[in-house]
Amino acid sequence: MENTTPVSAKKKAVIGYITIIGLFIAMSMNSDNKDGFTTRHLQNMFGFTVLWICSQVAIFYINTTLGDILWLMSLVLIISQAIRAYQAKEPNIPFLSRKFQQWFTFLA
C-alpha cells in the first residue's frame, strides 16, 4: 500500500510528540492549515500529556508506585506513537486513541 500522507503532516505529527513544548509548536503549525492526520496525532499526544500530569499528581499525592506506573505507561505510549507518526501511520492504541479523539475535539 502506498503512503499518501504529506511530508509536512508527518513532520508536524512527529514534532507534536517531542515534549510538551513540541505539542504546542505542532498545534500552532497545524492551526493555519489543518491536517486530519496531524490533528489525530496531536489529540493523542494531548491525551498522553494529561496522563503524564495525572502520573505526577499520583506520585506526589496518592501513591508513588501508581504514579511511576502511569509515568512509564505514558512514556512507552508516546515513544510508540511517535514511531507510528514517523512511519505515517494513524494512531492506534486500543480504546485510548478513539477516546482521545472524542474528548479533545477542540484541537480539530
N, C-alpha and C. Protein backbone atom coordinates (compact mmCIF):
# COMPACT_ATOMS: atom_id res chain seq x y z
N MET A 1 0.84 -1.17 0.00
CA MET A 1 0.00 0.00 0.00
C MET A 1 0.88 1.24 0.00
N GLU A 2 0.60 2.18 -0.86
CA GLU A 2 1.40 3.38 -0.99
C GLU A 2 1.04 4.38 0.09
N ASN A 3 2.05 5.06 0.62
CA ASN A 3 1.85 6.05 1.66
C ASN A 3 1.44 7.37 1.01
N THR A 4 0.29 7.92 1.39
CA THR A 4 -0.20 9.16 0.80
C THR A 4 -0.22 10.32 1.78
N THR A 5 0.36 10.16 2.97
CA THR A 5 0.40 11.23 3.95
C THR A 5 1.46 12.24 3.53
N PRO A 6 1.09 13.53 3.46
CA PRO A 6 2.08 14.54 3.09
C PRO A 6 3.23 14.60 4.11
N VAL A 7 4.40 14.94 3.61
CA VAL A 7 5.59 15.01 4.47
C VAL A 7 5.40 16.06 5.56
N SER A 8 4.78 17.20 5.24
CA SER A 8 4.59 18.25 6.24
C SER A 8 3.68 17.77 7.38
N ALA A 9 2.66 16.99 7.06
CA ALA A 9 1.77 16.45 8.10
C ALA A 9 2.53 15.50 9.00
N LYS A 10 3.38 14.68 8.40
CA LYS A 10 4.18 13.74 9.17
C LYS A 10 5.15 14.49 10.09
N LYS A 11 5.78 15.54 9.59
CA LYS A 11 6.71 16.33 10.40
C LYS A 11 6.00 16.98 11.58
N LYS A 12 4.83 17.56 11.32
CA LYS A 12 4.08 18.20 12.40
C LYS A 12 3.67 17.18 13.47
N ALA A 13 3.27 15.99 13.03
CA ALA A 13 2.86 14.95 13.97
C ALA A 13 4.04 14.50 14.83
N VAL A 14 5.20 14.33 14.22
CA VAL A 14 6.38 13.90 14.97
C VAL A 14 6.81 15.00 15.94
N ILE A 15 6.79 16.26 15.52
CA ILE A 15 7.14 17.37 16.40
C ILE A 15 6.22 17.39 17.61
N GLY A 16 4.96 17.05 17.40
CA GLY A 16 3.98 17.04 18.49
C GLY A 16 4.33 16.07 19.61
N TYR A 17 5.09 15.03 19.30
CA TYR A 17 5.46 14.05 20.32
C TYR A 17 6.74 14.40 21.05
N ILE A 18 7.39 15.50 20.68
CA ILE A 18 8.65 15.89 21.33
C ILE A 18 8.32 16.85 22.46
N THR A 19 8.19 16.37 23.63
CA THR A 19 7.86 17.09 24.86
C THR A 19 6.58 17.91 24.74
N ILE A 20 6.21 18.55 25.81
CA ILE A 20 5.01 19.37 25.83
C ILE A 20 5.20 20.60 24.95
N ILE A 21 6.40 21.14 24.92
CA ILE A 21 6.68 22.31 24.09
C ILE A 21 6.48 21.95 22.61
N GLY A 22 6.93 20.77 22.21
CA GLY A 22 6.71 20.31 20.84
C GLY A 22 5.23 20.20 20.52
N LEU A 23 4.44 19.80 21.49
CA LEU A 23 2.99 19.72 21.29
C LEU A 23 2.42 21.08 20.94
N PHE A 24 2.82 22.11 21.69
CA PHE A 24 2.30 23.45 21.43
C PHE A 24 2.83 24.01 20.11
N ILE A 25 4.06 23.70 19.77
CA ILE A 25 4.61 24.14 18.48
C ILE A 25 3.84 23.49 17.34
N ALA A 26 3.60 22.19 17.44
CA ALA A 26 2.86 21.48 16.39
C ALA A 26 1.42 21.97 16.31
N MET A 27 0.82 22.31 17.46
CA MET A 27 -0.55 22.83 17.45
C MET A 27 -0.60 24.16 16.71
N SER A 28 0.40 25.02 16.93
CA SER A 28 0.40 26.30 16.23
C SER A 28 0.70 26.11 14.74
N MET A 29 1.56 25.15 14.41
CA MET A 29 1.84 24.87 13.00
C MET A 29 0.61 24.33 12.29
N ASN A 30 -0.20 23.57 13.00
CA ASN A 30 -1.39 22.94 12.42
C ASN A 30 -2.60 23.87 12.42
N SER A 31 -2.52 24.99 13.13
CA SER A 31 -3.68 25.87 13.25
C SER A 31 -4.01 26.58 11.93
N ASP A 32 -3.01 26.92 11.14
CA ASP A 32 -3.26 27.63 9.88
C ASP A 32 -3.85 26.70 8.82
N ASN A 33 -3.20 25.57 8.64
CA ASN A 33 -3.61 24.63 7.60
C ASN A 33 -3.88 23.28 8.27
N LYS A 34 -5.11 23.09 8.71
CA LYS A 34 -5.47 21.87 9.44
C LYS A 34 -5.28 20.62 8.59
N ASP A 35 -4.65 19.63 9.19
CA ASP A 35 -4.47 18.34 8.54
C ASP A 35 -5.02 17.27 9.47
N GLY A 36 -5.87 16.40 8.96
CA GLY A 36 -6.52 15.38 9.79
C GLY A 36 -5.54 14.42 10.43
N PHE A 37 -4.52 14.01 9.69
CA PHE A 37 -3.51 13.09 10.22
C PHE A 37 -2.80 13.72 11.42
N THR A 38 -2.36 14.96 11.25
CA THR A 38 -1.66 15.66 12.33
C THR A 38 -2.59 15.88 13.51
N THR A 39 -3.83 16.27 13.25
CA THR A 39 -4.78 16.53 14.33
C THR A 39 -5.01 15.29 15.18
N ARG A 40 -5.15 14.13 14.54
CA ARG A 40 -5.36 12.91 15.31
C ARG A 40 -4.15 12.59 16.19
N HIS A 41 -2.94 12.82 15.67
CA HIS A 41 -1.75 12.59 16.48
C HIS A 41 -1.64 13.63 17.60
N LEU A 42 -2.02 14.88 17.34
CA LEU A 42 -1.98 15.89 18.39
C LEU A 42 -2.99 15.59 19.49
N GLN A 43 -4.16 15.10 19.11
CA GLN A 43 -5.14 14.70 20.12
C GLN A 43 -4.59 13.56 20.97
N ASN A 44 -3.90 12.64 20.34
CA ASN A 44 -3.27 11.54 21.06
C ASN A 44 -2.24 12.07 22.05
N MET A 45 -1.36 12.95 21.59
CA MET A 45 -0.31 13.48 22.46
C MET A 45 -0.89 14.32 23.58
N PHE A 46 -1.97 15.06 23.29
CA PHE A 46 -2.62 15.83 24.35
C PHE A 46 -3.14 14.89 25.44
N GLY A 47 -3.70 13.76 25.03
CA GLY A 47 -4.17 12.76 26.00
C GLY A 47 -3.01 12.20 26.81
N PHE A 48 -1.87 11.96 26.16
CA PHE A 48 -0.70 11.46 26.88
C PHE A 48 -0.17 12.50 27.85
N THR A 49 -0.29 13.78 27.49
CA THR A 49 0.14 14.85 28.38
C THR A 49 -0.75 14.88 29.62
N VAL A 50 -2.04 14.70 29.43
CA VAL A 50 -2.96 14.63 30.58
C VAL A 50 -2.61 13.41 31.45
N LEU A 51 -2.31 12.29 30.81
CA LEU A 51 -1.91 11.08 31.54
C LEU A 51 -0.62 11.33 32.33
N TRP A 52 0.33 12.05 31.72
CA TRP A 52 1.59 12.36 32.40
C TRP A 52 1.33 13.26 33.61
N ILE A 53 0.46 14.26 33.46
CA ILE A 53 0.12 15.14 34.59
C ILE A 53 -0.54 14.33 35.70
N CYS A 54 -1.42 13.40 35.34
CA CYS A 54 -2.04 12.52 36.34
C CYS A 54 -1.00 11.68 37.05
N SER A 55 0.02 11.24 36.33
CA SER A 55 1.08 10.44 36.96
C SER A 55 1.85 11.28 37.98
N GLN A 56 2.08 12.55 37.66
CA GLN A 56 2.80 13.41 38.60
C GLN A 56 1.96 13.68 39.85
N VAL A 57 0.67 13.88 39.67
CA VAL A 57 -0.22 14.07 40.81
C VAL A 57 -0.24 12.80 41.66
N ALA A 58 -0.30 11.65 41.01
CA ALA A 58 -0.30 10.38 41.75
C ALA A 58 1.00 10.18 42.51
N ILE A 59 2.12 10.53 41.91
CA ILE A 59 3.42 10.38 42.60
C ILE A 59 3.46 11.19 43.88
N PHE A 60 3.00 12.44 43.81
CA PHE A 60 3.13 13.33 44.96
C PHE A 60 2.01 13.22 45.98
N TYR A 61 0.80 12.83 45.55
CA TYR A 61 -0.33 12.90 46.47
C TYR A 61 -1.04 11.57 46.74
N ILE A 62 -0.86 10.58 45.88
CA ILE A 62 -1.63 9.34 46.06
C ILE A 62 -0.72 8.18 46.43
N ASN A 63 0.05 7.70 45.46
CA ASN A 63 0.90 6.53 45.68
C ASN A 63 2.04 6.59 44.67
N THR A 64 3.25 6.52 45.15
CA THR A 64 4.41 6.62 44.29
C THR A 64 4.45 5.51 43.25
N THR A 65 4.11 4.31 43.62
CA THR A 65 4.14 3.19 42.68
C THR A 65 3.13 3.39 41.57
N LEU A 66 1.92 3.79 41.91
CA LEU A 66 0.90 4.06 40.90
C LEU A 66 1.37 5.16 39.95
N GLY A 67 1.93 6.21 40.50
CA GLY A 67 2.44 7.31 39.67
C GLY A 67 3.55 6.86 38.74
N ASP A 68 4.45 6.03 39.25
CA ASP A 68 5.54 5.52 38.41
C ASP A 68 5.01 4.65 37.27
N ILE A 69 4.00 3.85 37.56
CA ILE A 69 3.40 3.00 36.53
C ILE A 69 2.75 3.87 35.45
N LEU A 70 2.00 4.89 35.87
CA LEU A 70 1.37 5.79 34.90
C LEU A 70 2.41 6.54 34.09
N TRP A 71 3.49 6.97 34.74
CA TRP A 71 4.56 7.70 34.04
C TRP A 71 5.22 6.81 33.00
N LEU A 72 5.54 5.58 33.38
CA LEU A 72 6.17 4.65 32.45
C LEU A 72 5.23 4.31 31.30
N MET A 73 3.96 4.13 31.61
CA MET A 73 2.98 3.84 30.58
C MET A 73 2.88 5.00 29.58
N SER A 74 2.84 6.24 30.08
CA SER A 74 2.76 7.38 29.17
C SER A 74 4.03 7.50 28.33
N LEU A 75 5.19 7.23 28.90
CA LEU A 75 6.45 7.29 28.15
C LEU A 75 6.48 6.26 27.02
N VAL A 76 6.09 5.03 27.33
CA VAL A 76 6.09 3.97 26.31
C VAL A 76 5.08 4.30 25.21
N LEU A 77 3.91 4.79 25.58
CA LEU A 77 2.90 5.14 24.57
C LEU A 77 3.36 6.29 23.69
N ILE A 78 3.99 7.30 24.28
CA ILE A 78 4.50 8.43 23.49
C ILE A 78 5.53 7.96 22.48
N ILE A 79 6.47 7.13 22.93
CA ILE A 79 7.52 6.65 22.03
C ILE A 79 6.91 5.80 20.90
N SER A 80 5.99 4.91 21.25
CA SER A 80 5.41 4.04 20.22
C SER A 80 4.60 4.84 19.21
N GLN A 81 3.88 5.85 19.67
CA GLN A 81 3.07 6.64 18.74
C GLN A 81 3.92 7.62 17.93
N ALA A 82 5.04 8.07 18.49
CA ALA A 82 5.96 8.91 17.71
C ALA A 82 6.54 8.10 16.56
N ILE A 83 6.84 6.84 16.81
CA ILE A 83 7.34 5.97 15.75
C ILE A 83 6.26 5.77 14.69
N ARG A 84 5.01 5.59 15.12
CA ARG A 84 3.91 5.44 14.16
C ARG A 84 3.73 6.71 13.33
N ALA A 85 3.88 7.88 13.95
CA ALA A 85 3.76 9.14 13.20
C ALA A 85 4.89 9.25 12.19
N TYR A 86 6.10 8.87 12.58
CA TYR A 86 7.24 8.90 11.67
C TYR A 86 7.02 7.97 10.47
N GLN A 87 6.37 6.86 10.72
CA GLN A 87 6.07 5.90 9.65
C GLN A 87 4.81 6.29 8.87
N ALA A 88 4.21 7.44 9.22
CA ALA A 88 2.99 7.95 8.57
C ALA A 88 1.82 7.01 8.77
N LYS A 89 1.72 6.42 9.95
CA LYS A 89 0.60 5.54 10.29
C LYS A 89 -0.31 6.26 11.29
N GLU A 90 -1.56 5.91 11.26
CA GLU A 90 -2.54 6.50 12.17
C GLU A 90 -2.26 6.07 13.62
N PRO A 91 -2.65 6.93 14.61
CA PRO A 91 -2.52 6.50 16.00
C PRO A 91 -3.39 5.27 16.24
N ASN A 92 -2.84 4.30 16.97
CA ASN A 92 -3.55 3.03 17.09
C ASN A 92 -3.31 2.41 18.46
N ILE A 93 -3.93 2.97 19.47
CA ILE A 93 -3.90 2.37 20.79
C ILE A 93 -5.35 1.98 21.09
N PRO A 94 -5.58 0.70 21.30
CA PRO A 94 -6.96 0.27 21.54
C PRO A 94 -7.60 1.09 22.66
N PHE A 95 -8.80 1.51 22.44
CA PHE A 95 -9.63 2.28 23.35
C PHE A 95 -9.13 3.71 23.52
N LEU A 96 -7.86 3.93 23.89
CA LEU A 96 -7.36 5.26 24.20
C LEU A 96 -7.38 6.21 23.01
N SER A 97 -6.89 5.80 21.86
CA SER A 97 -6.83 6.68 20.70
C SER A 97 -8.23 7.16 20.32
N ARG A 98 -9.18 6.26 20.33
CA ARG A 98 -10.56 6.61 19.99
C ARG A 98 -11.14 7.58 21.01
N LYS A 99 -10.88 7.34 22.30
CA LYS A 99 -11.40 8.22 23.34
C LYS A 99 -10.74 9.60 23.29
N PHE A 100 -9.43 9.64 23.05
CA PHE A 100 -8.74 10.93 22.96
C PHE A 100 -9.32 11.76 21.82
N GLN A 101 -9.67 11.12 20.72
CA GLN A 101 -10.23 11.85 19.59
C GLN A 101 -11.65 12.32 19.88
N GLN A 102 -12.35 11.63 20.75
CA GLN A 102 -13.69 12.06 21.15
C GLN A 102 -13.61 13.20 22.17
N TRP A 103 -12.69 13.09 23.11
CA TRP A 103 -12.61 14.06 24.19
C TRP A 103 -11.98 15.39 23.78
N PHE A 104 -10.99 15.34 22.90
CA PHE A 104 -10.22 16.54 22.59
C PHE A 104 -10.55 17.07 21.21
N THR A 105 -11.85 17.23 20.95
CA THR A 105 -12.29 17.74 19.65
C THR A 105 -11.93 19.21 19.46
N PHE A 106 -11.63 19.93 20.54
CA PHE A 106 -11.26 21.34 20.40
C PHE A 106 -9.93 21.51 19.66
N LEU A 107 -9.16 20.44 19.50
CA LEU A 107 -7.92 20.51 18.74
C LEU A 107 -8.16 20.33 17.25
N ALA A 108 -9.35 19.88 16.87
CA ALA A 108 -9.63 19.62 15.45
C ALA A 108 -9.91 20.90 14.69
